[in-house]
All heavy atoms as atom14 arrays in JSON, in Angstrom:
{
  "sequence": "KDHIEQIFEQNPAAVSHITWIIILPGSNSTPASIASSFGNLAA",
  "atom14_mask": [
    [1, 1, 1, 1, 1, 1, 1, 1, 1, 0, 0, 0, 0, 0],
    [1, 1, 1, 1, 1, 1, 1, 1, 0, 0, 0, 0, 0, 0],
    [1, 1, 1, 1, 1, 1, 1, 1, 1, 1, 0, 0, 0, 0],
    [1, 1, 1, 1, 1, 1, 1, 1, 0, 0, 0, 0, 0, 0],
    [1, 1, 1, 1, 1, 1, 1, 1, 1, 0, 0, 0, 0, 0],
    [1, 1, 1, 1, 1, 1, 1, 1, 1, 0, 0, 0, 0, 0],
    [1, 1, 1, 1, 1, 1, 1, 1, 0, 0, 0, 0, 0, 0],
    [1, 1, 1, 1, 1, 1, 1, 1, 1, 1, 1, 0, 0, 0],
    [1, 1, 1, 1, 1, 1, 1, 1, 1, 0, 0, 0, 0, 0],
    [1, 1, 1, 1, 1, 1, 1, 1, 1, 0, 0, 0, 0, 0],
    [1, 1, 1, 1, 1, 1, 1, 1, 0, 0, 0, 0, 0, 0],
    [1, 1, 1, 1, 1, 1, 1, 0, 0, 0, 0, 0, 0, 0],
    [1, 1, 1, 1, 1, 0, 0, 0, 0, 0, 0, 0, 0, 0],
    [1, 1, 1, 1, 1, 0, 0, 0, 0, 0, 0, 0, 0, 0],
    [1, 1, 1, 1, 1, 1, 1, 0, 0, 0, 0, 0, 0, 0],
    [1, 1, 1, 1, 1, 1, 0, 0, 0, 0, 0, 0, 0, 0],
    [1, 1, 1, 1, 1, 1, 1, 1, 1, 1, 0, 0, 0, 0],
    [1, 1, 1, 1, 1, 1, 1, 1, 0, 0, 0, 0, 0, 0],
    [1, 1, 1, 1, 1, 1, 1, 0, 0, 0, 0, 0, 0, 0],
    [1, 1, 1, 1, 1, 1, 1, 1, 1, 1, 1, 1, 1, 1],
    [1, 1, 1, 1, 1, 1, 1, 1, 0, 0, 0, 0, 0, 0],
    [1, 1, 1, 1, 1, 1, 1, 1, 0, 0, 0, 0, 0, 0],
    [1, 1, 1, 1, 1, 1, 1, 1, 0, 0, 0, 0, 0, 0],
    [1, 1, 1, 1, 1, 1, 1, 1, 0, 0, 0, 0, 0, 0],
    [1, 1, 1, 1, 1, 1, 1, 0, 0, 0, 0, 0, 0, 0],
    [1, 1, 1, 1, 0, 0, 0, 0, 0, 0, 0, 0, 0, 0],
    [1, 1, 1, 1, 1, 1, 0, 0, 0, 0, 0, 0, 0, 0],
    [1, 1, 1, 1, 1, 1, 1, 1, 0, 0, 0, 0, 0, 0],
    [1, 1, 1, 1, 1, 1, 0, 0, 0, 0, 0, 0, 0, 0],
    [1, 1, 1, 1, 1, 1, 1, 0, 0, 0, 0, 0, 0, 0],
    [1, 1, 1, 1, 1, 1, 1, 0, 0, 0, 0, 0, 0, 0],
    [1, 1, 1, 1, 1, 0, 0, 0, 0, 0, 0, 0, 0, 0],
    [1, 1, 1, 1, 1, 1, 0, 0, 0, 0, 0, 0, 0, 0],
    [1, 1, 1, 1, 1, 1, 1, 1, 0, 0, 0, 0, 0, 0],
    [1, 1, 1, 1, 1, 0, 0, 0, 0, 0, 0, 0, 0, 0],
    [1, 1, 1, 1, 1, 1, 0, 0, 0, 0, 0, 0, 0, 0],
    [1, 1, 1, 1, 1, 1, 0, 0, 0, 0, 0, 0, 0, 0],
    [1, 1, 1, 1, 1, 1, 1, 1, 1, 1, 1, 0, 0, 0],
    [1, 1, 1, 1, 0, 0, 0, 0, 0, 0, 0, 0, 0, 0],
    [1, 1, 1, 1, 1, 1, 1, 1, 0, 0, 0, 0, 0, 0],
    [1, 1, 1, 1, 1, 1, 1, 1, 0, 0, 0, 0, 0, 0],
    [1, 1, 1, 1, 1, 0, 0, 0, 0, 0, 0, 0, 0, 0],
    [1, 1, 1, 1, 1, 0, 0, 0, 0, 0, 0, 0, 0, 0]
  ],
  "atom14_positions": [
    [[88.01, -33.25, -96.28], [87.71, -33.36, -97.71], [86.21, -33.53, -97.95], [85.66, -32.94, -98.89], [88.48, -34.56, -98.29], [88.25, -34.79, -99.76], [89.07, -35.98, -100.26], [88.79, -36.25, -101.73], [89.57, -37.39, -102.25], [0.0, 0.0, 0.0], [0.0, 0.0, 0.0], [0.0, 0.0, 0.0], [0.0, 0.0, 0.0], [0.0, 0.0, 0.0]],
    [[85.54, -34.3, -97.11], [84.1, -34.5, -97.27], [83.33, -33.2, -97.11], [82.37, -32.93, -97.85], [83.59, -35.52, -96.24], [84.08, -36.93, -96.55], [84.48, -37.17, -97.7], [84.09, -37.78, -95.63], [0.0, 0.0, 0.0], [0.0, 0.0, 0.0], [0.0, 0.0, 0.0], [0.0, 0.0, 0.0], [0.0, 0.0, 0.0], [0.0, 0.0, 0.0]],
    [[83.73, -32.37, -96.15], [83.05, -31.09, -95.96], [83.28, -30.17, -97.15], [82.36, -29.45, -97.58], [83.53, -30.43, -94.67], [83.03, -31.09, -93.42], [83.86, -31.4, -92.36], [81.8, -31.53, -93.08], [83.16, -31.98, -91.41], [81.9, -32.07, -91.82], [0.0, 0.0, 0.0], [0.0, 0.0, 0.0], [0.0, 0.0, 0.0], [0.0, 0.0, 0.0]],
    [[84.49, -30.18, -97.66], [84.78, -29.33, -98.83], [83.98, -29.81, -100.04], [83.48, -29.01, -100.83], [86.29, -29.31, -99.12], [87.04, -28.64, -97.96], [86.59, -28.58, -100.41], [88.54, -28.7, -98.06], [0.0, 0.0, 0.0], [0.0, 0.0, 0.0], [0.0, 0.0, 0.0], [0.0, 0.0, 0.0], [0.0, 0.0, 0.0], [0.0, 0.0, 0.0]],
    [[83.85, -31.12, -100.18], [83.08, -31.67, -101.29], [81.64, -31.17, -101.26], [81.02, -30.91, -102.29], [83.11, -33.2, -101.21], [82.6, -33.91, -102.44], [83.55, -33.81, -103.6], [84.71, -34.23, -103.48], [83.12, -33.3, -104.65], [0.0, 0.0, 0.0], [0.0, 0.0, 0.0], [0.0, 0.0, 0.0], [0.0, 0.0, 0.0], [0.0, 0.0, 0.0]],
    [[81.09, -31.02, -100.04], [79.71, -30.55, -99.92], [79.52, -29.15, -100.48], [78.45, -28.82, -100.97], [79.29, -30.56, -98.44], [79.15, -31.95, -97.83], [78.78, -31.89, -96.37], [78.34, -30.85, -95.88], [78.95, -33.0, -95.66], [0.0, 0.0, 0.0], [0.0, 0.0, 0.0], [0.0, 0.0, 0.0], [0.0, 0.0, 0.0], [0.0, 0.0, 0.0]],
    [[80.57, -28.34, -100.39], [80.46, -26.97, -100.89], [80.18, -26.96, -102.39], [79.45, -26.09, -102.9], [81.75, -26.18, -100.56], [81.95, -26.11, -99.04], [81.72, -24.78, -101.16], [83.27, -25.48, -98.64], [0.0, 0.0, 0.0], [0.0, 0.0, 0.0], [0.0, 0.0, 0.0], [0.0, 0.0, 0.0], [0.0, 0.0, 0.0], [0.0, 0.0, 0.0]],
    [[80.71, -27.95, -103.1], [80.62, -27.95, -104.56], [79.64, -28.99, -105.12], [79.41, -29.0, -106.32], [82.01, -28.23, -105.15], [83.01, -27.14, -104.87], [83.78, -27.17, -103.72], [83.16, -26.07, -105.74], [84.69, -26.17, -103.45], [84.07, -25.06, -105.46], [84.85, -25.11, -104.33], [0.0, 0.0, 0.0], [0.0, 0.0, 0.0], [0.0, 0.0, 0.0]],
    [[79.06, -29.83, -104.27], [78.28, -30.94, -104.82], [77.02, -30.48, -105.55], [76.51, -31.17, -106.43], [77.96, -31.96, -103.74], [77.0, -31.49, -102.68], [76.7, -32.58, -101.66], [77.35, -33.64, -101.7], [75.79, -32.37, -100.83], [0.0, 0.0, 0.0], [0.0, 0.0, 0.0], [0.0, 0.0, 0.0], [0.0, 0.0, 0.0], [0.0, 0.0, 0.0]],
    [[76.51, -29.29, -105.21], [75.34, -28.79, -105.92], [75.67, -28.3, -107.33], [74.8, -28.18, -108.18], [74.69, -27.65, -105.12], [74.13, -28.07, -103.79], [73.49, -26.9, -103.05], [73.02, -25.94, -103.67], [73.45, -26.98, -101.73], [0.0, 0.0, 0.0], [0.0, 0.0, 0.0], [0.0, 0.0, 0.0], [0.0, 0.0, 0.0], [0.0, 0.0, 0.0]],
    [[76.97, -28.03, -107.55], [77.4, -27.54, -108.87], [78.74, -28.18, -109.21], [79.79, -27.59, -108.96], [77.53, -26.02, -108.85], [77.8, -25.45, -110.25], [77.98, -26.2, -111.21], [77.82, -24.13, -110.35], [0.0, 0.0, 0.0], [0.0, 0.0, 0.0], [0.0, 0.0, 0.0], [0.0, 0.0, 0.0], [0.0, 0.0, 0.0], [0.0, 0.0, 0.0]],
    [[78.73, -29.41, -109.75], [79.97, -30.13, -110.01], [80.92, -29.39, -110.94], [82.13, -29.59, -110.88], [79.49, -31.44, -110.65], [78.08, -31.59, -110.19], [77.54, -30.19, -110.1], [0.0, 0.0, 0.0], [0.0, 0.0, 0.0], [0.0, 0.0, 0.0], [0.0, 0.0, 0.0], [0.0, 0.0, 0.0], [0.0, 0.0, 0.0], [0.0, 0.0, 0.0]],
    [[80.4, -28.54, -111.81], [81.26, -27.8, -112.75], [81.77, -26.5, -112.16], [82.37, -25.68, -112.86], [80.5, -27.52, -114.05], [0.0, 0.0, 0.0], [0.0, 0.0, 0.0], [0.0, 0.0, 0.0], [0.0, 0.0, 0.0], [0.0, 0.0, 0.0], [0.0, 0.0, 0.0], [0.0, 0.0, 0.0], [0.0, 0.0, 0.0], [0.0, 0.0, 0.0]],
    [[81.55, -26.31, -110.86], [81.89, -25.03, -110.25], [83.38, -24.73, -110.26], [83.79, -23.59, -110.14], [81.38, -24.99, -108.81], [0.0, 0.0, 0.0], [0.0, 0.0, 0.0], [0.0, 0.0, 0.0], [0.0, 0.0, 0.0], [0.0, 0.0, 0.0], [0.0, 0.0, 0.0], [0.0, 0.0, 0.0], [0.0, 0.0, 0.0], [0.0, 0.0, 0.0]],
    [[84.19, -25.79, -110.44], [85.63, -25.55, -110.45], [86.03, -24.59, -111.56], [87.04, -23.89, -111.48], [86.39, -26.89, -110.56], [86.19, -27.52, -111.94], [87.88, -26.71, -110.27], [0.0, 0.0, 0.0], [0.0, 0.0, 0.0], [0.0, 0.0, 0.0], [0.0, 0.0, 0.0], [0.0, 0.0, 0.0], [0.0, 0.0, 0.0], [0.0, 0.0, 0.0]],
    [[85.23, -24.53, -112.62], [85.54, -23.62, -113.73], [85.41, -22.16, -113.32], [85.95, -21.27, -113.98], [84.6, -23.91, -114.92], [83.24, -23.7, -114.55], [0.0, 0.0, 0.0], [0.0, 0.0, 0.0], [0.0, 0.0, 0.0], [0.0, 0.0, 0.0], [0.0, 0.0, 0.0], [0.0, 0.0, 0.0], [0.0, 0.0, 0.0], [0.0, 0.0, 0.0]],
    [[84.7, -21.9, -112.23], [84.56, -20.52, -111.76], [85.73, -20.09, -110.88], [85.83, -18.92, -110.51], [83.24, -20.37, -110.96], [82.02, -20.62, -111.8], [81.47, -19.66, -112.62], [81.25, -21.72, -111.94], [80.4, -20.15, -113.24], [80.25, -21.42, -112.84], [0.0, 0.0, 0.0], [0.0, 0.0, 0.0], [0.0, 0.0, 0.0], [0.0, 0.0, 0.0]],
    [[86.58, -21.05, -110.54], [87.79, -20.7, -109.79], [88.9, -20.52, -110.82], [89.65, -21.44, -111.14], [88.13, -21.79, -108.75], [86.93, -22.02, -107.82], [89.36, -21.41, -107.93], [87.15, -23.11, -106.79], [0.0, 0.0, 0.0], [0.0, 0.0, 0.0], [0.0, 0.0, 0.0], [0.0, 0.0, 0.0], [0.0, 0.0, 0.0], [0.0, 0.0, 0.0]],
    [[88.97, -19.33, -111.37], [89.85, -19.08, -112.53], [91.32, -19.04, -112.16], [92.17, -19.1, -113.06], [89.47, -17.74, -113.18], [89.55, -16.7, -112.18], [88.04, -17.79, -113.71], [0.0, 0.0, 0.0], [0.0, 0.0, 0.0], [0.0, 0.0, 0.0], [0.0, 0.0, 0.0], [0.0, 0.0, 0.0], [0.0, 0.0, 0.0], [0.0, 0.0, 0.0]],
    [[91.65, -18.95, -110.91], [93.05, -18.86, -110.5], [93.66, -20.23, -110.24], [94.8, -20.34, -109.82], [93.21, -17.97, -109.26], [92.02, -17.97, -108.36], [90.91, -17.19, -108.45], [91.8, -18.84, -107.23], [90.01, -17.5, -107.46], [90.53, -18.5, -106.69], [92.55, -19.84, -106.64], [90.01, -19.13, -105.58], [92.03, -20.48, -105.53], [90.77, -20.13, -105.01]],
    [[92.87, -21.3, -110.47], [93.39, -22.67, -110.49], [93.07, -23.25, -111.87], [91.89, -23.35, -112.24], [92.77, -23.56, -109.39], [93.12, -23.01, -108.01], [93.29, -24.99, -109.51], [92.56, -23.84, -106.86], [0.0, 0.0, 0.0], [0.0, 0.0, 0.0], [0.0, 0.0, 0.0], [0.0, 0.0, 0.0], [0.0, 0.0, 0.0], [0.0, 0.0, 0.0]],
    [[94.11, -23.56, -112.65], [93.91, -24.06, -114.01], [94.09, -25.58, -114.0], [95.16, -26.08, -113.65], [94.9, -23.4, -114.98], [94.69, -21.87, -114.98], [94.75, -23.97, -116.38], [95.68, -21.12, -115.84], [0.0, 0.0, 0.0], [0.0, 0.0, 0.0], [0.0, 0.0, 0.0], [0.0, 0.0, 0.0], [0.0, 0.0, 0.0], [0.0, 0.0, 0.0]],
    [[93.02, -26.27, -114.4], [93.01, -27.73, -114.39], [93.34, -28.25, -115.78], [92.94, -27.67, -116.8], [91.63, -28.25, -113.94], [91.27, -27.65, -112.57], [91.63, -29.78, -113.86], [92.25, -27.98, -111.48], [0.0, 0.0, 0.0], [0.0, 0.0, 0.0], [0.0, 0.0, 0.0], [0.0, 0.0, 0.0], [0.0, 0.0, 0.0], [0.0, 0.0, 0.0]],
    [[94.09, -29.34, -115.84], [94.44, -29.95, -117.13], [93.17, -30.41, -117.86], [92.22, -30.9, -117.23], [95.36, -31.16, -116.9], [96.82, -30.87, -116.55], [97.51, -32.19, -116.17], [97.53, -30.21, -117.72], [0.0, 0.0, 0.0], [0.0, 0.0, 0.0], [0.0, 0.0, 0.0], [0.0, 0.0, 0.0], [0.0, 0.0, 0.0], [0.0, 0.0, 0.0]],
    [[93.15, -30.29, -119.18], [92.0, -30.78, -119.94], [91.81, -32.29, -119.71], [92.77, -33.05, -119.73], [92.39, -30.5, -121.4], [93.38, -29.39, -121.31], [94.14, -29.61, -120.04], [0.0, 0.0, 0.0], [0.0, 0.0, 0.0], [0.0, 0.0, 0.0], [0.0, 0.0, 0.0], [0.0, 0.0, 0.0], [0.0, 0.0, 0.0], [0.0, 0.0, 0.0]],
    [[90.58, -32.68, -119.45], [90.28, -34.09, -119.22], [90.6, -34.57, -117.83], [90.43, -35.75, -117.51], [0.0, 0.0, 0.0], [0.0, 0.0, 0.0], [0.0, 0.0, 0.0], [0.0, 0.0, 0.0], [0.0, 0.0, 0.0], [0.0, 0.0, 0.0], [0.0, 0.0, 0.0], [0.0, 0.0, 0.0], [0.0, 0.0, 0.0], [0.0, 0.0, 0.0]],
    [[91.07, -33.67, -116.95], [91.41, -34.07, -115.59], [90.15, -34.35, -114.8], [89.11, -33.73, -115.0], [92.22, -32.96, -114.9], [92.4, -33.25, -113.55], [0.0, 0.0, 0.0], [0.0, 0.0, 0.0], [0.0, 0.0, 0.0], [0.0, 0.0, 0.0], [0.0, 0.0, 0.0], [0.0, 0.0, 0.0], [0.0, 0.0, 0.0], [0.0, 0.0, 0.0]],
    [[90.26, -35.31, -113.88], [89.13, -35.61, -113.01], [89.25, -34.91, -111.67], [88.61, -35.28, -110.7], [89.02, -37.12, -112.79], [90.27, -37.7, -112.13], [91.26, -36.99, -111.94], [90.23, -38.99, -111.8], [0.0, 0.0, 0.0], [0.0, 0.0, 0.0], [0.0, 0.0, 0.0], [0.0, 0.0, 0.0], [0.0, 0.0, 0.0], [0.0, 0.0, 0.0]],
    [[90.08, -33.88, -111.61], [90.26, -33.15, -110.36], [89.0, -32.4, -109.98], [88.28, -31.86, -110.82], [91.42, -32.15, -110.49], [92.64, -32.83, -110.66], [0.0, 0.0, 0.0], [0.0, 0.0, 0.0], [0.0, 0.0, 0.0], [0.0, 0.0, 0.0], [0.0, 0.0, 0.0], [0.0, 0.0, 0.0], [0.0, 0.0, 0.0], [0.0, 0.0, 0.0]],
    [[88.74, -32.39, -108.69], [87.62, -31.63, -108.12], [88.19, -30.68, -107.09], [89.34, -30.85, -106.63], [86.61, -32.56, -107.45], [87.24, -33.18, -106.32], [86.11, -33.63, -108.41], [0.0, 0.0, 0.0], [0.0, 0.0, 0.0], [0.0, 0.0, 0.0], [0.0, 0.0, 0.0], [0.0, 0.0, 0.0], [0.0, 0.0, 0.0], [0.0, 0.0, 0.0]],
    [[87.44, -29.65, -106.69], [87.94, -28.77, -105.63], [88.34, -29.53, -104.38], [89.31, -29.21, -103.73], [86.75, -27.84, -105.37], [86.03, -27.79, -106.68], [86.16, -29.17, -107.24], [0.0, 0.0, 0.0], [0.0, 0.0, 0.0], [0.0, 0.0, 0.0], [0.0, 0.0, 0.0], [0.0, 0.0, 0.0], [0.0, 0.0, 0.0], [0.0, 0.0, 0.0]],
    [[87.57, -30.6, -104.06], [87.9, -31.37, -102.85], [89.23, -32.1, -103.01], [90.04, -32.13, -102.09], [86.79, -32.37, -102.56], [0.0, 0.0, 0.0], [0.0, 0.0, 0.0], [0.0, 0.0, 0.0], [0.0, 0.0, 0.0], [0.0, 0.0, 0.0], [0.0, 0.0, 0.0], [0.0, 0.0, 0.0], [0.0, 0.0, 0.0], [0.0, 0.0, 0.0]],
    [[89.46, -32.68, -104.2], [90.73, -33.38, -104.4], [91.88, -32.39, -104.45], [92.99, -32.69, -104.02], [90.68, -34.21, -105.69], [90.54, -33.37, -106.82], [0.0, 0.0, 0.0], [0.0, 0.0, 0.0], [0.0, 0.0, 0.0], [0.0, 0.0, 0.0], [0.0, 0.0, 0.0], [0.0, 0.0, 0.0], [0.0, 0.0, 0.0], [0.0, 0.0, 0.0]],
    [[91.61, -31.2, -104.99], [92.65, -30.15, -105.0], [92.98, -29.75, -103.56], [94.14, -29.65, -103.16], [92.17, -28.92, -105.8], [92.01, -29.31, -107.27], [93.16, -27.77, -105.65], [91.32, -28.25, -108.1], [0.0, 0.0, 0.0], [0.0, 0.0, 0.0], [0.0, 0.0, 0.0], [0.0, 0.0, 0.0], [0.0, 0.0, 0.0], [0.0, 0.0, 0.0]],
    [[91.93, -29.55, -102.76], [92.15, -29.2, -101.35], [92.91, -30.29, -100.63], [93.77, -30.03, -99.8], [90.8, -28.95, -100.66], [0.0, 0.0, 0.0], [0.0, 0.0, 0.0], [0.0, 0.0, 0.0], [0.0, 0.0, 0.0], [0.0, 0.0, 0.0], [0.0, 0.0, 0.0], [0.0, 0.0, 0.0], [0.0, 0.0, 0.0], [0.0, 0.0, 0.0]],
    [[92.58, -31.54, -100.97], [93.28, -32.68, -100.35], [94.75, -32.65, -100.7], [95.61, -32.93, -99.86], [92.63, -33.99, -100.81], [93.32, -35.1, -100.28], [0.0, 0.0, 0.0], [0.0, 0.0, 0.0], [0.0, 0.0, 0.0], [0.0, 0.0, 0.0], [0.0, 0.0, 0.0], [0.0, 0.0, 0.0], [0.0, 0.0, 0.0], [0.0, 0.0, 0.0]],
    [[95.05, -32.29, -101.95], [96.45, -32.22, -102.38], [97.2, -31.18, -101.57], [98.29, -31.43, -101.07], [96.53, -31.88, -103.87], [95.89, -32.85, -104.64], [0.0, 0.0, 0.0], [0.0, 0.0, 0.0], [0.0, 0.0, 0.0], [0.0, 0.0, 0.0], [0.0, 0.0, 0.0], [0.0, 0.0, 0.0], [0.0, 0.0, 0.0], [0.0, 0.0, 0.0]],
    [[96.6, -30.0, -101.44], [97.25, -28.95, -100.66], [97.31, -29.33, -99.18], [98.29, -29.07, -98.5], [96.51, -27.62, -100.83], [96.76, -26.96, -102.14], [95.81, -26.98, -103.15], [97.96, -26.32, -102.39], [96.03, -26.36, -104.36], [98.2, -25.7, -103.6], [97.24, -25.72, -104.6], [0.0, 0.0, 0.0], [0.0, 0.0, 0.0], [0.0, 0.0, 0.0]],
    [[96.24, -29.98, -98.7], [96.21, -30.38, -97.31], [97.28, -31.39, -96.99], [97.93, -31.33, -95.96], [0.0, 0.0, 0.0], [0.0, 0.0, 0.0], [0.0, 0.0, 0.0], [0.0, 0.0, 0.0], [0.0, 0.0, 0.0], [0.0, 0.0, 0.0], [0.0, 0.0, 0.0], [0.0, 0.0, 0.0], [0.0, 0.0, 0.0], [0.0, 0.0, 0.0]],
    [[97.51, -32.34, -97.9], [98.56, -33.33, -97.69], [99.92, -32.67, -97.67], [100.8, -33.02, -96.89], [98.52, -34.39, -98.8], [97.34, -35.32, -98.65], [96.76, -35.41, -97.58], [96.96, -35.99, -99.73], [0.0, 0.0, 0.0], [0.0, 0.0, 0.0], [0.0, 0.0, 0.0], [0.0, 0.0, 0.0], [0.0, 0.0, 0.0], [0.0, 0.0, 0.0]],
    [[100.07, -31.69, -98.55], [101.33, -30.95, -98.58], [101.57, -30.28, -97.23], [102.65, -30.35, -96.66], [101.3, -29.9, -99.7], [102.46, -28.9, -99.72], [103.74, -29.6, -100.13], [102.16, -27.75, -100.65], [0.0, 0.0, 0.0], [0.0, 0.0, 0.0], [0.0, 0.0, 0.0], [0.0, 0.0, 0.0], [0.0, 0.0, 0.0], [0.0, 0.0, 0.0]],
    [[100.53, -29.65, -96.71], [100.67, -28.96, -95.42], [100.97, -29.93, -94.3], [101.83, -29.69, -93.46], [99.39, -28.18, -95.13], [0.0, 0.0, 0.0], [0.0, 0.0, 0.0], [0.0, 0.0, 0.0], [0.0, 0.0, 0.0], [0.0, 0.0, 0.0], [0.0, 0.0, 0.0], [0.0, 0.0, 0.0], [0.0, 0.0, 0.0], [0.0, 0.0, 0.0]],
    [[100.23, -31.06, -94.28], [100.38, -32.02, -93.19], [101.75, -32.65, -93.18], [102.34, -32.88, -92.13], [99.32, -33.1, -93.29], [0.0, 0.0, 0.0], [0.0, 0.0, 0.0], [0.0, 0.0, 0.0], [0.0, 0.0, 0.0], [0.0, 0.0, 0.0], [0.0, 0.0, 0.0], [0.0, 0.0, 0.0], [0.0, 0.0, 0.0], [0.0, 0.0, 0.0]]
  ]
}
């Protein structure tokens, strides 16, 4: 998760450019937390 966070830390709003993942309005989700969710599912 920390490594994934680094990919986006220069542009915190970058999640908006990932149009195929729709985040709830007002959500505090980040790409790293999203990846963590999927990663937990896999594990």
